[in-house]
Amino acid sequence: MDFSTLRKINVRRCVRSWGHTLSSWSVAEWGNATAGEVGEACNIAKKLLRLRQGLPGNNSDTTETSLKNELADEIADFVIYADLWSASEGIDLEEAIRRKFNKTSTKLGFDERL
């Protein structure tokens, strides 16, 4: 999979399965949905930290593997929403990531470029 494949199928699913176009949500609504997924991922990260530090607060049957799987799902949700948010504003996410990554590398004197 690549970003262009994600975009094509993601937008199609948004319209066909969720029943709305990219423009039926405002830029703020797409941002809120994306932030919600980041929040869910951060909550899982908090649970992982508790588990690793032996702190109370998790279910007794919680494992590191189960939490990592949940974290992977939430990070994936974030990327999916970020793609739709970008699409709603006509932003090529792949190009934006490449440009920003390279800009940061240049600014900090790193050799790595995309």
PDB file of N, CA and C in Angstrom:
ATOM      1  N   MET A   1       0.827  -1.184   0.000  1.00  0.00           N
ATOM      2  CA  MET A   1       0.000   0.000   0.000  1.00  0.00           C
ATOM      3  C   MET A   1       0.868   1.242   0.000  1.00  0.00           C
ATOM      4  N   ASP A   2       0.389   2.278  -0.648  1.00  0.00           N
ATOM      5  CA  ASP A   2       1.051   3.570  -0.640  1.00  0.00           C
ATOM      6  C   ASP A   2       0.010   4.657  -0.368  1.00  0.00           C
ATOM      7  N   PHE A   3       0.470   5.877  -0.252  1.00  0.00           N
ATOM      8  CA  PHE A   3      -0.447   6.967   0.079  1.00  0.00           C
ATOM      9  C   PHE A   3      -1.518   7.186  -0.978  1.00  0.00           C
ATOM     10  N   SER A   4      -1.163   7.042  -2.248  1.00  0.00           N
ATOM     11  CA  SER A   4      -2.165   7.279  -3.290  1.00  0.00           C
ATOM     12  C   SER A   4      -3.253   6.210  -3.254  1.00  0.00           C
ATOM     13  N   THR A   5      -2.894   4.972  -2.944  1.00  0.00           N
ATOM     14  CA  THR A   5      -3.890   3.901  -2.813  1.00  0.00           C
ATOM     15  C   THR A   5      -4.786   4.168  -1.608  1.00  0.00           C
ATOM     16  N   LEU A   6      -4.179   4.540  -0.492  1.00  0.00           N
ATOM     17  CA  LEU A   6      -4.970   4.878   0.695  1.00  0.00           C
ATOM     18  C   LEU A   6      -5.965   5.979   0.361  1.00  0.00           C
ATOM     19  N   ARG A   7      -5.505   7.041  -0.275  1.00  0.00           N
ATOM     20  CA  ARG A   7      -6.371   8.181  -0.590  1.00  0.00           C
ATOM     21  C   ARG A   7      -7.557   7.747  -1.443  1.00  0.00           C
ATOM     22  N   LYS A   8      -7.275   7.017  -2.495  1.00  0.00           N
ATOM     23  CA  LYS A   8      -8.333   6.606  -3.425  1.00  0.00           C
ATOM     24  C   LYS A   8      -9.409   5.784  -2.712  1.00  0.00           C
ATOM     25  N   ILE A   9      -9.000   4.778  -1.979  1.00  0.00           N
ATOM     26  CA  ILE A   9      -9.947   3.874  -1.327  1.00  0.00           C
ATOM     27  C   ILE A   9     -10.587   4.533  -0.110  1.00  0.00           C
ATOM     28  N   ASN A  10      -9.826   5.334   0.603  1.00  0.00           N
ATOM     29  CA  ASN A  10     -10.320   6.013   1.801  1.00  0.00           C
ATOM     30  C   ASN A  10     -11.444   6.993   1.449  1.00  0.00           C
ATOM     31  N   VAL A  11     -11.226   7.797   0.420  1.00  0.00           N
ATOM     32  CA  VAL A  11     -12.251   8.766   0.003  1.00  0.00           C
ATOM     33  C   VAL A  11     -13.483   8.023  -0.520  1.00  0.00           C
ATOM     34  N   ARG A  12     -13.268   6.972  -1.296  1.00  0.00           N
ATOM     35  CA  ARG A  12     -14.395   6.199  -1.819  1.00  0.00           C
ATOM     36  C   ARG A  12     -15.223   5.606  -0.674  1.00  0.00           C
ATOM     37  N   ARG A  13     -14.540   5.049   0.335  1.00  0.00           N
ATOM     38  CA  ARG A  13     -15.261   4.482   1.479  1.00  0.00           C
ATOM     39  C   ARG A  13     -16.002   5.561   2.254  1.00  0.00           C
ATOM     40  N   CYS A  14     -15.395   6.721   2.377  1.00  0.00           N
ATOM     41  CA  CYS A  14     -16.039   7.834   3.085  1.00  0.00           C
ATOM     42  C   CYS A  14     -17.389   8.143   2.450  1.00  0.00           C
ATOM     43  N   VAL A  15     -17.404   8.213   1.142  1.00  0.00           N
ATOM     44  CA  VAL A  15     -18.635   8.549   0.424  1.00  0.00           C
ATOM     45  C   VAL A  15     -19.609   7.378   0.415  1.00  0.00           C
ATOM     46  N   ARG A  16     -19.150   6.211   0.037  1.00  0.00           N
ATOM     47  CA  ARG A  16     -20.042   5.057  -0.119  1.00  0.00           C
ATOM     48  C   ARG A  16     -20.544   4.492   1.206  1.00  0.00           C
ATOM     49  N   SER A  17     -19.654   4.349   2.162  1.00  0.00           N
ATOM     50  CA  SER A  17     -20.015   3.653   3.401  1.00  0.00           C
ATOM     51  C   SER A  17     -20.453   4.584   4.516  1.00  0.00           C
ATOM     52  N   TRP A  18     -19.821   5.729   4.634  1.00  0.00           N
ATOM     53  CA  TRP A  18     -20.187   6.662   5.697  1.00  0.00           C
ATOM     54  C   TRP A  18     -21.270   7.620   5.234  1.00  0.00           C
ATOM     55  N   GLY A  19     -21.422   7.735   3.917  1.00  0.00           N
ATOM     56  CA  GLY A  19     -22.526   8.521   3.389  1.00  0.00           C
ATOM     57  C   GLY A  19     -22.324  10.018   3.348  1.00  0.00           C
ATOM     58  N   HIS A  20     -21.088  10.466   3.372  1.00  0.00           N
ATOM     59  CA  HIS A  20     -20.877  11.910   3.209  1.00  0.00           C
ATOM     60  C   HIS A  20     -19.624  12.173   2.394  1.00  0.00           C
ATOM     61  N   THR A  21     -19.613  13.352   1.791  1.00  0.00           N
ATOM     62  CA  THR A  21     -18.461  13.756   0.995  1.00  0.00           C
ATOM     63  C   THR A  21     -17.446  14.437   1.897  1.00  0.00           C
ATOM     64  N   LEU A  22     -16.279  14.672   1.343  1.00  0.00           N
ATOM     65  CA  LEU A  22     -15.239  15.356   2.113  1.00  0.00           C
ATOM     66  C   LEU A  22     -15.686  16.749   2.537  1.00  0.00           C
ATOM     67  N   SER A  23     -16.493  17.375   1.705  1.00  0.00           N
ATOM     68  CA  SER A  23     -16.921  18.745   2.014  1.00  0.00           C
ATOM     69  C   SER A  23     -18.110  18.809   2.971  1.00  0.00           C
ATOM     70  N   SER A  24     -18.663  17.663   3.330  1.00  0.00           N
ATOM     71  CA  SER A  24     -19.797  17.711   4.257  1.00  0.00           C
ATOM     72  C   SER A  24     -19.351  17.927   5.704  1.00  0.00           C
ATOM     73  N   TRP A  25     -18.063  17.814   5.949  1.00  0.00           N
ATOM     74  CA  TRP A  25     -17.500  18.209   7.238  1.00  0.00           C
ATOM     75  C   TRP A  25     -16.589  19.402   7.017  1.00  0.00           C
ATOM     76  N   SER A  26     -16.549  20.292   7.984  1.00  0.00           N
ATOM     77  CA  SER A  26     -15.638  21.438   7.915  1.00  0.00           C
ATOM     78  C   SER A  26     -14.211  20.991   8.228  1.00  0.00           C
ATOM     79  N   VAL A  27     -13.277  21.878   7.966  1.00  0.00           N
ATOM     80  CA  VAL A  27     -11.881  21.584   8.297  1.00  0.00           C
ATOM     81  C   VAL A  27     -11.737  21.318   9.795  1.00  0.00           C
ATOM     82  N   ALA A  28     -12.521  22.030  10.611  1.00  0.00           N
ATOM     83  CA  ALA A  28     -12.457  21.828  12.059  1.00  0.00           C
ATOM     84  C   ALA A  28     -13.035  20.472  12.459  1.00  0.00           C
ATOM     85  N   GLU A  29     -14.104  20.042  11.801  1.00  0.00           N
ATOM     86  CA  GLU A  29     -14.682  18.732  12.122  1.00  0.00           C
ATOM     87  C   GLU A  29     -13.727  17.600  11.773  1.00  0.00           C
ATOM     88  N   TRP A  30     -13.057  17.698  10.613  1.00  0.00           N
ATOM     89  CA  TRP A  30     -12.048  16.683  10.275  1.00  0.00           C
ATOM     90  C   TRP A  30     -10.913  16.718  11.289  1.00  0.00           C
ATOM     91  N   GLY A  31     -10.513  17.912  11.697  1.00  0.00           N
ATOM     92  CA  GLY A  31      -9.460  18.034  12.702  1.00  0.00           C
ATOM     93  C   GLY A  31      -9.874  17.446  14.041  1.00  0.00           C
ATOM     94  N   ASN A  32     -11.100  17.684  14.444  1.00  0.00           N
ATOM     95  CA  ASN A  32     -11.591  17.131  15.711  1.00  0.00           C
ATOM     96  C   ASN A  32     -11.632  15.615  15.667  1.00  0.00           C
ATOM     97  N   ALA A  33     -12.083  15.052  14.555  1.00  0.00           N
ATOM     98  CA  ALA A  33     -12.131  13.598  14.428  1.00  0.00           C
ATOM     99  C   ALA A  33     -10.720  13.004  14.497  1.00  0.00           C
ATOM    100  N   THR A  34      -9.781  13.667  13.836  1.00  0.00           N
ATOM    101  CA  THR A  34      -8.387  13.208  13.847  1.00  0.00           C
ATOM    102  C   THR A  34      -7.806  13.311  15.256  1.00  0.00           C
ATOM    103  N   ALA A  35      -8.061  14.426  15.914  1.00  0.00           N
ATOM    104  CA  ALA A  35      -7.566  14.616  17.285  1.00  0.00           C
ATOM    105  C   ALA A  35      -8.154  13.577  18.227  1.00  0.00           C
ATOM    106  N   GLY A  36      -9.403  13.205  18.010  1.00  0.00           N
ATOM    107  CA  GLY A  36     -10.025  12.168  18.830  1.00  0.00           C
ATOM    108  C   GLY A  36      -9.280  10.851  18.732  1.00  0.00           C
ATOM    109  N   GLU A  37      -8.843  10.511  17.526  1.00  0.00           N
ATOM    110  CA  GLU A  37      -8.075   9.267  17.348  1.00  0.00           C
ATOM    111  C   GLU A  37      -6.702   9.365  18.008  1.00  0.00           C
ATOM    112  N   VAL A  38      -6.083  10.533  17.941  1.00  0.00           N
ATOM    113  CA  VAL A  38      -4.802  10.727  18.627  1.00  0.00           C
ATOM    114  C   VAL A  38      -5.004  10.583  20.130  1.00  0.00           C
ATOM    115  N   GLY A  39      -6.089  11.132  20.633  1.00  0.00           N
ATOM    116  CA  GLY A  39      -6.393  11.009  22.058  1.00  0.00           C
ATOM    117  C   GLY A  39      -6.565   9.563  22.482  1.00  0.00           C
ATOM    118  N   GLU A  40      -7.244   8.780  21.640  1.00  0.00           N
ATOM    119  CA  GLU A  40      -7.421   7.361  21.955  1.00  0.00           C
ATOM    120  C   GLU A  40      -6.077   6.642  21.959  1.00  0.00           C
ATOM    121  N   ALA A  41      -5.196   6.975  21.021  1.00  0.00           N
ATOM    122  CA  ALA A  41      -3.860   6.362  20.988  1.00  0.00           C
ATOM    123  C   ALA A  41      -3.068   6.751  22.240  1.00  0.00           C
ATOM    124  N   CYS A  42      -3.182   8.004  22.647  1.00  0.00           N
ATOM    125  CA  CYS A  42      -2.473   8.455  23.850  1.00  0.00           C
ATOM    126  C   CYS A  42      -2.991   7.746  25.089  1.00  0.00           C
ATOM    127  N   ASN A  43      -4.273   7.447  25.150  1.00  0.00           N
ATOM    128  CA  ASN A  43      -4.818   6.715  26.279  1.00  0.00           C
ATOM    129  C   ASN A  43      -4.226   5.305  26.349  1.00  0.00           C
ATOM    130  N   ILE A  44      -4.074   4.659  25.204  1.00  0.00           N
ATOM    131  CA  ILE A  44      -3.438   3.335  25.170  1.00  0.00           C
ATOM    132  C   ILE A  44      -1.975   3.453  25.594  1.00  0.00           C
ATOM    133  N   ALA A  45      -1.293   4.500  25.152  1.00  0.00           N
ATOM    134  CA  ALA A  45       0.108   4.705  25.552  1.00  0.00           C
ATOM    135  C   ALA A  45       0.211   4.864  27.067  1.00  0.00           C
ATOM    136  N   LYS A  46      -0.750   5.554  27.660  1.00  0.00           N
ATOM    137  CA  LYS A  46      -0.782   5.703  29.119  1.00  0.00           C
ATOM    138  C   LYS A  46      -0.908   4.335  29.797  1.00  0.00           C
ATOM    139  N   LYS A  47      -1.764   3.489  29.243  1.00  0.00           N
ATOM    140  CA  LYS A  47      -1.947   2.150  29.804  1.00  0.00           C
ATOM    141  C   LYS A  47      -0.682   1.307  29.644  1.00  0.00           C
ATOM    142  N   LEU A  48       0.003   1.444  28.515  1.00  0.00           N
ATOM    143  CA  LEU A  48       1.272   0.735  28.325  1.00  0.00           C
ATOM    144  C   LEU A  48       2.300   1.177  29.360  1.00  0.00           C
ATOM    145  N   LEU A  49       2.365   2.478  29.595  1.00  0.00           N
ATOM    146  CA  LEU A  49       3.301   3.009  30.582  1.00  0.00           C
ATOM    147  C   LEU A  49       2.989   2.462  31.971  1.00  0.00           C
ATOM    148  N   ARG A  50       1.716   2.455  32.337  1.00  0.00           N
ATOM    149  CA  ARG A  50       1.323   1.885  33.632  1.00  0.00           C
ATOM    150  C   ARG A  50       1.777   0.432  33.749  1.00  0.00           C
ATOM    151  N   LEU A  51       1.521  -0.334  32.707  1.00  0.00           N
ATOM    152  CA  LEU A  51       1.877  -1.746  32.718  1.00  0.00           C
ATOM    153  C   LEU A  51       3.383  -1.922  32.874  1.00  0.00           C
ATOM    154  N   ARG A  52       4.145  -1.174  32.119  1.00  0.00           N
ATOM    155  CA  ARG A  52       5.607  -1.290  32.148  1.00  0.00           C
ATOM    156  C   ARG A  52       6.198  -0.841  33.478  1.00  0.00           C
ATOM    157  N   GLN A  53       5.508   0.076  34.146  1.00  0.00           N
ATOM    158  CA  GLN A  53       6.001   0.568  35.435  1.00  0.00           C
ATOM    159  C   GLN A  53       5.371  -0.154  36.615  1.00  0.00           C
ATOM    160  N   GLY A  54       4.493  -1.122  36.333  1.00  0.00           N
ATOM    161  CA  GLY A  54       3.849  -1.883  37.395  1.00  0.00           C
ATOM    162  C   GLY A  54       2.875  -1.074  38.222  1.00  0.00           C
ATOM    163  N   LEU A  55       2.279  -0.066  37.614  1.00  0.00           N
ATOM    164  CA  LEU A  55       1.340   0.803  38.323  1.00  0.00           C
ATOM    165  C   LEU A  55      -0.089   0.290  38.177  1.00  0.00           C
ATOM    166  N   PRO A  56      -0.940   0.580  39.144  1.00  0.00           N
ATOM    167  CA  PRO A  56      -2.348   0.163  39.044  1.00  0.00           C
ATOM    168  C   PRO A  56      -3.094   1.011  38.017  1.00  0.00           C
ATOM    169  N   GLY A  57      -4.264   0.515  37.620  1.00  0.00           N
ATOM    170  CA  GLY A  57      -5.124   1.296  36.741  1.00  0.00           C
ATOM    171  C   GLY A  57      -5.560   0.563  35.493  1.00  0.00           C
ATOM    172  N   ASN A  58      -4.912  -0.534  35.168  1.00  0.00           N
ATOM    173  CA  ASN A  58      -5.313  -1.324  34.014  1.00  0.00           C
ATOM    174  C   ASN A  58      -6.134  -2.517  34.475  1.00  0.00           C
ATOM    175  N   ASN A  59      -6.873  -3.120  33.556  1.00  0.00           N
ATOM    176  CA  ASN A  59      -7.562  -4.374  33.860  1.00  0.00           C
ATOM    177  C   ASN A  59      -6.529  -5.448  34.179  1.00  0.00           C
ATOM    178  N   SER A  60      -6.887  -6.379  35.011  1.00  0.00           N
ATOM    179  CA  SER A  60      -5.931  -7.413  35.431  1.00  0.00           C
ATOM    180  C   SER A  60      -5.510  -8.323  34.280  1.00  0.00           C
ATOM    181  N   ASP A  61      -6.322  -8.431  33.249  1.00  0.00           N
ATOM    182  CA  ASP A  61      -5.986  -9.306  32.127  1.00  0.00           C
ATOM    183  C   ASP A  61      -5.282  -8.564  30.981  1.00  0.00           C
ATOM    184  N   THR A  62      -4.934  -7.301  31.186  1.00  0.00           N
ATOM    185  CA  THR A  62      -4.269  -6.507  30.161  1.00  0.00           C
ATOM    186  C   THR A  62      -2.835  -6.992  29.964  1.00  0.00           C
ATOM    187  N   THR A  63      -2.465  -7.189  28.692  1.00  0.00           N
ATOM    188  CA  THR A  63      -1.095  -7.598  28.373  1.00  0.00           C
ATOM    189  C   THR A  63      -0.447  -6.536  27.500  1.00  0.00           C
ATOM    190  N   GLU A  64       0.871  -6.567  27.455  1.00  0.00           N
ATOM    191  CA  GLU A  64       1.583  -5.629  26.591  1.00  0.00           C
ATOM    192  C   GLU A  64       1.224  -5.878  25.128  1.00  0.00           C
ATOM    193  N   THR A  65       1.094  -7.133  24.751  1.00  0.00           N
ATOM    194  CA  THR A  65       0.738  -7.457  23.366  1.00  0.00           C
ATOM    195  C   THR A  65      -0.635  -6.904  23.010  1.00  0.00           C
ATOM    196  N   SER A  66      -1.609  -7.070  23.899  1.00  0.00           N
ATOM    197  CA  SER A  66      -2.956  -6.563  23.597  1.00  0.00           C
ATOM    198  C   SER A  66      -2.952  -5.042  23.492  1.00  0.00           C
ATOM    199  N   LEU A  67      -2.197  -4.398  24.360  1.00  0.00           N
ATOM    200  CA  LEU A  67      -2.126  -2.936  24.306  1.00  0.00           C
ATOM    201  C   LEU A  67      -1.411  -2.458  23.043  1.00  0.00           C
ATOM    202  N   LYS A  68      -0.356  -3.140  22.640  1.00  0.00           N
ATOM    203  CA  LYS A  68       0.340  -2.756  21.410  1.00  0.00           C
ATOM    204  C   LYS A  68      -0.581  -2.925  20.199  1.00  0.00           C
ATOM    205  N   ASN A  69      -1.394  -3.968  20.198  1.00  0.00           N
ATOM    206  CA  ASN A  69      -2.352  -4.153  19.106  1.00  0.00           C
ATOM    207  C   ASN A  69      -3.386  -3.032  19.087  1.00  0.00           C
ATOM    208  N   GLU A  70      -3.865  -2.655  20.269  1.00  0.00           N
ATOM    209  CA  GLU A  70      -4.813  -1.541  20.362  1.00  0.00           C
ATOM    210  C   GLU A  70      -4.159  -0.238  19.907  1.00  0.00           C
ATOM    211  N   LEU A  71      -2.907  -0.021  20.306  1.00  0.00           N
ATOM    212  CA  LEU A  71      -2.186   1.180  19.905  1.00  0.00           C
ATOM    213  C   LEU A  71      -2.022   1.232  18.392  1.00  0.00           C
ATOM    214  N   ALA A  72      -1.670   0.095  17.799  1.00  0.00           N
ATOM    215  CA  ALA A  72      -1.531   0.037  16.339  1.00  0.00           C
ATOM    216  C   ALA A  72      -2.841   0.424  15.655  1.00  0.00           C
ATOM    217  N   ASP A  73      -3.958  -0.080  16.186  1.00  0.00           N
ATOM    218  CA  ASP A  73      -5.267   0.253  15.611  1.00  0.00           C
ATOM    219  C   ASP A  73      -5.555   1.742  15.704  1.00  0.00           C
ATOM    220  N   GLU A  74      -5.252   2.336  16.845  1.00  0.00           N
ATOM    221  CA  GLU A  74      -5.542   3.761  17.025  1.00  0.00           C
ATOM    222  C   GLU A  74      -4.625   4.636  16.174  1.00  0.00           C
ATOM    223  N   ILE A  75      -3.365   4.247  16.038  1.00  0.00           N
ATOM    224  CA  ILE A  75      -2.461   4.999  15.159  1.00  0.00           C
ATOM    225  C   ILE A  75      -2.943   4.891  13.718  1.00  0.00           C
ATOM    226  N   ALA A  76      -3.391   3.700  13.328  1.00  0.00           N
ATOM    227  CA  ALA A  76      -3.935   3.526  11.977  1.00  0.00           C
ATOM    228  C   ALA A  76      -5.162   4.416  11.781  1.00  0.00           C
ATOM    229  N   ASP A  77      -6.052   4.465  12.775  1.00  0.00           N
ATOM    230  CA  ASP A  77      -7.222   5.344  12.684  1.00  0.00           C
ATOM    231  C   ASP A  77      -6.798   6.796  12.507  1.00  0.00           C
ATOM    232  N   PHE A  78      -5.756   7.203  13.234  1.00  0.00           N
ATOM    233  CA  PHE A  78      -5.262   8.568  13.112  1.00  0.00           C
ATOM    234  C   PHE A  78      -4.789   8.859  11.691  1.00  0.00           C
ATOM    235  N   VAL A  79      -4.029   7.942  11.112  1.00  0.00           N
ATOM    236  CA  VAL A  79      -3.514   8.141   9.757  1.00  0.00           C
ATOM    237  C   VAL A  79      -4.667   8.188   8.747  1.00  0.00           C
ATOM    238  N   ILE A  80      -5.648   7.312   8.928  1.00  0.00           N
ATOM    239  CA  ILE A  80      -6.806   7.289   8.029  1.00  0.00           C
ATOM    240  C   ILE A  80      -7.551   8.624   8.087  1.00  0.00           C
ATOM    241  N   TYR A  81      -7.798   9.118   9.295  1.00  0.00           N
ATOM    242  CA  TYR A  81      -8.466  10.414   9.429  1.00  0.00           C
ATOM    243  C   TYR A  81      -7.584  11.558   8.927  1.00  0.00           C
ATOM    244  N   ALA A  82      -6.295  11.496   9.173  1.00  0.00           N
ATOM    245  CA  ALA A  82      -5.396  12.546   8.681  1.00  0.00           C
ATOM    246  C   ALA A  82      -5.422  12.601   7.154  1.00  0.00           C
ATOM    247  N   ASP A  83      -5.517  11.440   6.531  1.00  0.00           N
ATOM    248  CA  ASP A  83      -5.613  11.407   5.075  1.00  0.00           C
ATOM    249  C   ASP A  83      -6.907  12.062   4.603  1.00  0.00           C
ATOM    250  N   LEU A  84      -8.035  11.746   5.253  1.00  0.00           N
ATOM    251  CA  LEU A  84      -9.307  12.358   4.868  1.00  0.00           C
ATOM    252  C   LEU A  84      -9.305  13.863   5.141  1.00  0.00           C
ATOM    253  N   TRP A  85      -8.719  14.255   6.252  1.00  0.00           N
ATOM    254  CA  TRP A  85      -8.610  15.677   6.583  1.00  0.00           C
ATOM    255  C   TRP A  85      -7.807  16.395   5.507  1.00  0.00           C
ATOM    256  N   SER A  86      -6.686  15.803   5.126  1.00  0.00           N
ATOM    257  CA  SER A  86      -5.853  16.375   4.061  1.00  0.00           C
ATOM    258  C   SER A  86      -6.620  16.437   2.747  1.00  0.00           C
ATOM    259  N   ALA A  87      -7.302  15.349   2.421  1.00  0.00           N
ATOM    260  CA  ALA A  87      -8.068  15.306   1.177  1.00  0.00           C
ATOM    261  C   ALA A  87      -9.143  16.386   1.152  1.00  0.00           C
ATOM    262  N   SER A  88      -9.763  16.627   2.294  1.00  0.00           N
ATOM    263  CA  SER A  88     -10.838  17.628   2.350  1.00  0.00           C
ATOM    264  C   SER A  88     -10.332  19.025   2.014  1.00  0.00           C
ATOM    265  N   GLU A  89      -9.042  19.247   2.183  1.00  0.00           N
ATOM    266  CA  GLU A  89      -8.434  20.547   1.892  1.00  0.00           C
ATOM    267  C   GLU A  89      -7.574  20.530   0.639  1.00  0.00           C
ATOM    268  N   GLY A  90      -7.631  19.419  -0.107  1.00  0.00           N
ATOM    269  CA  GLY A  90      -6.862  19.317  -1.345  1.00  0.00           C
ATOM    270  C   GLY A  90      -5.368  19.184  -1.135  1.00  0.00           C
ATOM    271  N   ILE A  91      -4.968  18.672   0.007  1.00  0.00           N
ATOM    272  CA  ILE A  91      -3.548  18.517   0.348  1.00  0.00           C
ATOM    273  C   ILE A  91      -3.098  17.110  -0.026  1.00  0.00           C
ATOM    274  N   ASP A  92      -1.996  17.026  -0.757  1.00  0.00           N
ATOM    275  CA  ASP A  92      -1.371  15.746  -1.076  1.00  0.00           C
ATOM    276  C   ASP A  92      -0.532  15.364   0.145  1.00  0.00           C
ATOM    277  N   LEU A  93      -1.046  14.435   0.957  1.00  0.00           N
ATOM    278  CA  LEU A  93      -0.393  14.093   2.222  1.00  0.00           C
ATOM    279  C   LEU A  93       1.010  13.539   2.013  1.00  0.00           C
ATOM    280  N   GLU A  94       1.174  12.696   1.011  1.00  0.00           N
ATOM    281  CA  GLU A  94       2.499  12.129   0.742  1.00  0.00           C
ATOM    282  C   GLU A  94       3.510  13.238   0.438  1.00  0.00           C
ATOM    283  N   GLU A  95       3.132  14.174  -0.406  1.00  0.00           N
ATOM    284  CA  GLU A  95       4.030  15.276  -0.746  1.00  0.00           C
ATOM    285  C   GLU A  95       4.263  16.181   0.465  1.00  0.00           C
ATOM    286  N   ALA A  96       3.236  16.422   1.254  1.00  0.00           N
ATOM    287  CA  ALA A  96       3.388  17.266   2.442  1.00  0.00           C
ATOM    288  C   ALA A  96       4.363  16.635   3.434  1.00  0.00           C
ATOM    289  N   ILE A  97       4.261  15.327   3.618  1.00  0.00           N
ATOM    290  CA  ILE A  97       5.178  14.635   4.531  1.00  0.00           C
ATOM    291  C   ILE A  97       6.610  14.691   3.997  1.00  0.00           C
ATOM    292  N   ARG A  98       6.767  14.447   2.707  1.00  0.00           N
ATOM    293  CA  ARG A  98       8.098  14.499   2.101  1.00  0.00           C
ATOM    294  C   ARG A  98       8.721  15.884   2.276  1.00  0.00           C
ATOM    295  N   ARG A  99       7.942  16.916   1.944  1.00  0.00           N
ATOM    296  CA  ARG A  99       8.439  18.287   2.036  1.00  0.00           C
ATOM    297  C   ARG A  99       8.821  18.644   3.463  1.00  0.00           C
ATOM    298  N   LYS A 100       7.950  18.316   4.420  1.00  0.00           N
ATOM    299  CA  LYS A 100       8.213  18.663   5.818  1.00  0.00           C
ATOM    300  C   LYS A 100       9.384  17.871   6.382  1.00  0.00           C
ATOM    301  N   PHE A 101       9.460  16.575   6.059  1.00  0.00           N
ATOM    302  CA  PHE A 101      10.574  15.748   6.523  1.00  0.00           C
ATOM    303  C   PHE A 101      11.896  16.331   6.034  1.00  0.00           C
ATOM    304  N   ASN A 102      11.952  16.646   4.742  1.00  0.00           N
ATOM    305  CA  ASN A 102      13.187  17.182   4.161  1.00  0.00           C
ATOM    306  C   ASN A 102      13.506  18.566   4.700  1.00  0.00           C
ATOM    307  N   LYS A 103      12.492  19.378   4.929  1.00  0.00           N
ATOM    308  CA  LYS A 103      12.693  20.719   5.502  1.00  0.00           C
ATOM    309  C   LYS A 103      13.316  20.610   6.889  1.00  0.00           C
ATOM    310  N   THR A 104      12.801  19.683   7.707  1.00  0.00           N
ATOM    311  CA  THR A 104      13.342  19.491   9.056  1.00  0.00           C
ATOM    312  C   THR A 104      14.771  18.956   8.997  1.00  0.00           C
ATOM    313  N   SER A 105      15.025  18.004   8.096  1.00  0.00           N
ATOM    314  CA  SER A 105      16.386  17.474   7.956  1.00  0.00           C
ATOM    315  C   SER A 105      17.368  18.577   7.576  1.00  0.00           C
ATOM    316  N   THR A 106      16.964  19.427   6.633  1.00  0.00           N
ATOM    317  CA  THR A 106      17.819  20.542   6.217  1.00  0.00           C
ATOM    318  C   THR A 106      18.065  21.494   7.384  1.00  0.00           C
ATOM    319  N   LYS A 107      17.003  21.852   8.070  1.00  0.00           N
ATOM    320  CA  LYS A 107      17.099  22.791   9.194  1.00  0.00           C
ATOM    321  C   LYS A 107      18.036  22.271  10.294  1.00  0.00           C
ATOM    322  N   LEU A 108      17.984  20.974  10.555  1.00  0.00           N
ATOM    323  CA  LEU A 108      18.774  20.399  11.654  1.00  0.00           C
ATOM    324  C   LEU A 108      20.103  19.794  11.191  1.00  0.00           C
ATOM    325  N   GLY A 109      20.387  19.899   9.885  1.00  0.00           N
ATOM    326  CA  GLY A 109      21.662  19.408   9.369  1.00  0.00           C
ATOM    327  C   GLY A 109      21.743  17.892   9.255  1.00  0.00           C
ATOM    328  N   PHE A 110      20.600  17.238   9.099  1.00  0.00           N
ATOM    329  CA  PHE A 110      20.568  15.769   8.946  1.00  0.00           C
ATOM    330  C   PHE A 110      20.708  15.405   7.485  1.00  0.00           C
ATOM    331  N   ASP A 111      21.301  14.270   7.200  1.00  0.00           N
ATOM    332  CA  ASP A 111      21.506  13.817   5.825  1.00  0.00           C
ATOM    333  C   ASP A 111      20.280  13.147   5.214  1.00  0.00           C
ATOM    334  N   GLU A 112      19.412  12.586   6.047  1.00  0.00           N
ATOM    335  CA  GLU A 112      18.291  11.792   5.543  1.00  0.00           C
ATOM    336  C   GLU A 112      17.265  12.666   4.823  1.00  0.00           C
ATOM    337  N   ARG A 113      16.860  12.201   3.646  1.00  0.00           N
ATOM    338  CA  ARG A 113      15.825  12.872   2.844  1.00  0.00           C
ATOM    339  C   ARG A 113      14.882  11.816   2.294  1.00  0.00           C
ATOM    340  N   LEU A 114      13.663  12.227   2.086  1.00  0.00           N
ATOM    341  CA  LEU A 114      12.687  11.357   1.429  1.00  0.00           C
ATOM    342  C   LEU A 114      12.621  11.690  -0.048  1.00  0.00           C
TER     343      LEU A 114
END
